[in-house]
Amino acid sequence: MNTAYERLMAESVPTGTFGHALPPGQRAAPPAWTPEEQAQHLADLTAALVGWHDHSERAEQKRDRHLRLVHGQAPEAA
């Protein structure tokens, strides 16, 4: 019987299926999305994100810490 260490080392390149539970090539590929399905998915995500803001105190603290208004001259147009 193999030790736990030997079983761990048996998978030198992690494949996500320890010991190749399914032989390579026999894994079912996920179905491809049609262009229409992709467009609908993007539209759904975009609609869900429109107008969303995190108004929690923690989010405000993070914004204050990371976003600072720098007073000075406006950058020149390139």
N, C-alpha and C. Protein backbone atom coordinates (compact mmCIF):
# COMPACT_ATOMS: atom_id res chain seq x y z
N MET A 1 0.85 -1.18 0.00
CA MET A 1 0.00 0.00 0.00
C MET A 1 0.90 1.24 0.00
N ASN A 2 0.49 2.26 -0.73
CA ASN A 2 1.25 3.50 -0.82
C ASN A 2 1.00 4.35 0.42
N THR A 3 2.03 5.10 0.77
CA THR A 3 1.87 6.04 1.87
C THR A 3 1.15 7.28 1.36
N ALA A 4 0.70 8.12 2.28
CA ALA A 4 0.02 9.35 1.89
C ALA A 4 0.96 10.23 1.05
N TYR A 5 2.25 10.26 1.42
CA TYR A 5 3.21 11.05 0.67
C TYR A 5 3.36 10.52 -0.76
N GLU A 6 3.44 9.22 -0.90
CA GLU A 6 3.57 8.62 -2.24
C GLU A 6 2.34 8.91 -3.09
N ARG A 7 1.16 8.86 -2.50
CA ARG A 7 -0.05 9.18 -3.26
C ARG A 7 -0.06 10.64 -3.68
N LEU A 8 0.41 11.52 -2.78
CA LEU A 8 0.48 12.94 -3.11
C LEU A 8 1.47 13.19 -4.24
N MET A 9 2.60 12.56 -4.20
CA MET A 9 3.63 12.76 -5.21
C MET A 9 3.32 12.06 -6.53
N ALA A 10 2.34 11.15 -6.53
CA ALA A 10 1.99 10.43 -7.75
C ALA A 10 1.44 11.38 -8.81
N GLU A 11 0.92 12.50 -8.39
CA GLU A 11 0.38 13.47 -9.33
C GLU A 11 1.37 14.62 -9.43
N SER A 12 2.39 14.47 -10.27
CA SER A 12 3.44 15.47 -10.37
C SER A 12 2.93 16.78 -10.96
N VAL A 13 1.99 16.70 -11.90
CA VAL A 13 1.38 17.89 -12.47
C VAL A 13 -0.10 17.84 -12.11
N PRO A 14 -0.56 18.73 -11.22
CA PRO A 14 -1.96 18.68 -10.80
C PRO A 14 -2.92 18.81 -11.97
N THR A 15 -3.85 17.88 -12.06
CA THR A 15 -4.84 17.92 -13.13
C THR A 15 -6.24 18.15 -12.58
N GLY A 16 -6.36 18.18 -11.28
CA GLY A 16 -7.67 18.35 -10.69
C GLY A 16 -8.40 17.04 -10.49
N THR A 17 -7.88 15.97 -11.02
CA THR A 17 -8.47 14.64 -10.80
C THR A 17 -7.35 13.76 -10.29
N PHE A 18 -7.21 13.69 -8.99
CA PHE A 18 -6.10 12.96 -8.38
C PHE A 18 -6.02 11.56 -8.95
N GLY A 19 -4.84 11.22 -9.44
CA GLY A 19 -4.64 9.90 -9.99
C GLY A 19 -5.36 9.68 -11.30
N HIS A 20 -5.77 10.76 -11.95
CA HIS A 20 -6.50 10.68 -13.22
C HIS A 20 -7.73 9.77 -13.07
N ALA A 21 -8.67 10.22 -12.26
CA ALA A 21 -9.88 9.45 -12.01
C ALA A 21 -10.56 9.07 -13.33
N LEU A 22 -10.55 9.98 -14.28
CA LEU A 22 -11.02 9.66 -15.62
C LEU A 22 -9.81 9.69 -16.54
N PRO A 23 -9.63 8.69 -17.38
CA PRO A 23 -8.47 8.70 -18.28
C PRO A 23 -8.48 9.96 -19.15
N PRO A 24 -7.30 10.51 -19.47
CA PRO A 24 -7.24 11.70 -20.32
C PRO A 24 -7.99 11.47 -21.63
N GLY A 25 -8.70 12.49 -22.06
CA GLY A 25 -9.44 12.38 -23.31
C GLY A 25 -10.87 11.90 -23.14
N GLN A 26 -11.22 11.39 -21.98
CA GLN A 26 -12.57 10.91 -21.78
C GLN A 26 -13.40 11.85 -20.92
N ARG A 27 -12.83 13.01 -20.60
CA ARG A 27 -13.60 13.99 -19.85
C ARG A 27 -14.54 14.69 -20.80
N ALA A 28 -15.75 14.90 -20.35
CA ALA A 28 -16.73 15.58 -21.18
C ALA A 28 -16.40 17.06 -21.23
N ALA A 29 -16.27 17.60 -22.44
CA ALA A 29 -16.00 19.02 -22.60
C ALA A 29 -17.28 19.80 -22.33
N PRO A 30 -17.15 20.96 -21.68
CA PRO A 30 -18.36 21.75 -21.44
C PRO A 30 -18.94 22.21 -22.78
N PRO A 31 -20.24 22.30 -22.87
CA PRO A 31 -20.84 22.72 -24.13
C PRO A 31 -20.45 24.16 -24.46
N ALA A 32 -20.18 24.42 -25.72
CA ALA A 32 -19.81 25.77 -26.16
C ALA A 32 -21.04 26.66 -26.18
N TRP A 33 -20.84 27.92 -25.82
CA TRP A 33 -21.94 28.87 -25.85
C TRP A 33 -22.07 29.41 -27.27
N THR A 34 -23.28 29.57 -27.70
CA THR A 34 -23.51 30.19 -29.00
C THR A 34 -23.29 31.69 -28.86
N PRO A 35 -23.04 32.39 -29.96
CA PRO A 35 -22.88 33.84 -29.88
C PRO A 35 -24.11 34.52 -29.26
N GLU A 36 -25.29 34.00 -29.52
CA GLU A 36 -26.51 34.58 -28.94
C GLU A 36 -26.53 34.40 -27.43
N GLU A 37 -26.13 33.22 -26.96
CA GLU A 37 -26.07 32.97 -25.52
C GLU A 37 -25.03 33.86 -24.86
N GLN A 38 -23.89 34.05 -25.51
CA GLN A 38 -22.86 34.92 -24.97
C GLN A 38 -23.36 36.36 -24.88
N ALA A 39 -24.04 36.83 -25.91
CA ALA A 39 -24.56 38.19 -25.91
C ALA A 39 -25.59 38.38 -24.80
N GLN A 40 -26.46 37.38 -24.62
CA GLN A 40 -27.48 37.46 -23.58
C GLN A 40 -26.84 37.47 -22.20
N HIS A 41 -25.82 36.64 -22.01
CA HIS A 41 -25.11 36.58 -20.73
C HIS A 41 -24.47 37.94 -20.42
N LEU A 42 -23.80 38.54 -21.41
CA LEU A 42 -23.19 39.85 -21.22
C LEU A 42 -24.25 40.90 -20.89
N ALA A 43 -25.38 40.87 -21.59
CA ALA A 43 -26.46 41.82 -21.33
C ALA A 43 -27.00 41.66 -19.90
N ASP A 44 -27.16 40.42 -19.46
CA ASP A 44 -27.66 40.17 -18.10
C ASP A 44 -26.68 40.69 -17.05
N LEU A 45 -25.38 40.43 -17.25
CA LEU A 45 -24.39 40.91 -16.29
C LEU A 45 -24.32 42.42 -16.27
N THR A 46 -24.34 43.03 -17.44
CA THR A 46 -24.28 44.48 -17.52
C THR A 46 -25.49 45.11 -16.84
N ALA A 47 -26.67 44.56 -17.07
CA ALA A 47 -27.88 45.09 -16.44
C ALA A 47 -27.81 44.96 -14.92
N ALA A 48 -27.24 43.88 -14.44
CA ALA A 48 -27.15 43.67 -13.00
C ALA A 48 -26.17 44.64 -12.34
N LEU A 49 -25.17 45.10 -13.08
CA LEU A 49 -24.15 45.96 -12.51
C LEU A 49 -24.46 47.45 -12.64
N VAL A 50 -25.38 47.82 -13.50
CA VAL A 50 -25.69 49.23 -13.72
C VAL A 50 -26.23 49.84 -12.43
N GLY A 51 -25.60 50.92 -11.99
CA GLY A 51 -26.07 51.63 -10.80
C GLY A 51 -25.72 50.98 -9.48
N TRP A 52 -24.96 49.91 -9.49
CA TRP A 52 -24.63 49.24 -8.24
C TRP A 52 -23.43 49.91 -7.60
N HIS A 53 -23.56 50.24 -6.33
CA HIS A 53 -22.47 50.82 -5.56
C HIS A 53 -22.52 50.24 -4.15
N ASP A 54 -21.36 50.04 -3.60
CA ASP A 54 -21.26 49.56 -2.23
C ASP A 54 -21.18 50.78 -1.32
N HIS A 55 -22.22 51.01 -0.53
CA HIS A 55 -22.28 52.18 0.34
C HIS A 55 -21.93 51.85 1.79
N SER A 56 -21.35 50.68 2.01
CA SER A 56 -21.02 50.30 3.38
C SER A 56 -19.88 51.17 3.92
N GLU A 57 -19.77 51.24 5.23
CA GLU A 57 -18.72 52.04 5.86
C GLU A 57 -17.35 51.52 5.46
N ARG A 58 -17.21 50.22 5.38
CA ARG A 58 -15.92 49.61 5.00
C ARG A 58 -15.53 50.04 3.58
N ALA A 59 -16.47 50.06 2.66
CA ALA A 59 -16.18 50.48 1.29
C ALA A 59 -15.76 51.94 1.25
N GLU A 60 -16.41 52.76 2.05
CA GLU A 60 -16.04 54.19 2.11
C GLU A 60 -14.62 54.34 2.63
N GLN A 61 -14.27 53.57 3.66
CA GLN A 61 -12.92 53.64 4.22
C GLN A 61 -11.88 53.23 3.17
N LYS A 62 -12.19 52.18 2.41
CA LYS A 62 -11.26 51.74 1.37
C LYS A 62 -11.10 52.80 0.30
N ARG A 63 -12.20 53.43 -0.10
CA ARG A 63 -12.11 54.48 -1.11
C ARG A 63 -11.28 55.65 -0.59
N ASP A 64 -11.51 56.04 0.67
CA ASP A 64 -10.76 57.14 1.25
C ASP A 64 -9.26 56.83 1.31
N ARG A 65 -8.94 55.57 1.58
CA ARG A 65 -7.55 55.17 1.72
C ARG A 65 -6.85 55.07 0.36
N HIS A 66 -7.57 54.65 -0.67
CA HIS A 66 -6.94 54.38 -1.96
C HIS A 66 -7.16 55.45 -3.01
N LEU A 67 -8.19 56.24 -2.88
CA LEU A 67 -8.48 57.25 -3.87
C LEU A 67 -8.27 58.62 -3.23
N ARG A 68 -7.26 59.32 -3.69
CA ARG A 68 -6.97 60.63 -3.14
C ARG A 68 -7.03 61.66 -4.24
N LEU A 69 -7.68 62.76 -3.97
CA LEU A 69 -7.75 63.86 -4.92
C LEU A 69 -6.45 64.65 -4.81
N VAL A 70 -5.79 64.81 -5.92
CA VAL A 70 -4.53 65.54 -5.94
C VAL A 70 -4.81 66.91 -6.54
N HIS A 71 -4.61 67.96 -5.74
CA HIS A 71 -4.83 69.31 -6.21
C HIS A 71 -3.59 69.78 -6.98
N GLY A 72 -3.81 70.47 -8.05
CA GLY A 72 -2.68 70.96 -8.81
C GLY A 72 -3.14 71.31 -10.21
N GLN A 73 -2.18 71.37 -11.10
CA GLN A 73 -2.50 71.72 -12.48
C GLN A 73 -3.12 70.52 -13.19
N ALA A 74 -4.03 70.84 -14.10
CA ALA A 74 -4.63 69.80 -14.92
C ALA A 74 -3.59 69.31 -15.91
N PRO A 75 -3.59 68.02 -16.23
CA PRO A 75 -2.62 67.51 -17.20
C PRO A 75 -2.86 68.15 -18.57
N GLU A 76 -1.77 68.38 -19.28
CA GLU A 76 -1.89 68.97 -20.61
C GLU A 76 -2.38 67.93 -21.59
N ALA A 77 -3.16 68.38 -22.56
CA ALA A 77 -3.67 67.47 -23.58
C ALA A 77 -2.52 67.01 -24.46
N ALA A 78 -2.52 65.75 -24.76
CA ALA A 78 -1.44 65.18 -25.57
C ALA A 78 -1.67 65.42 -27.04
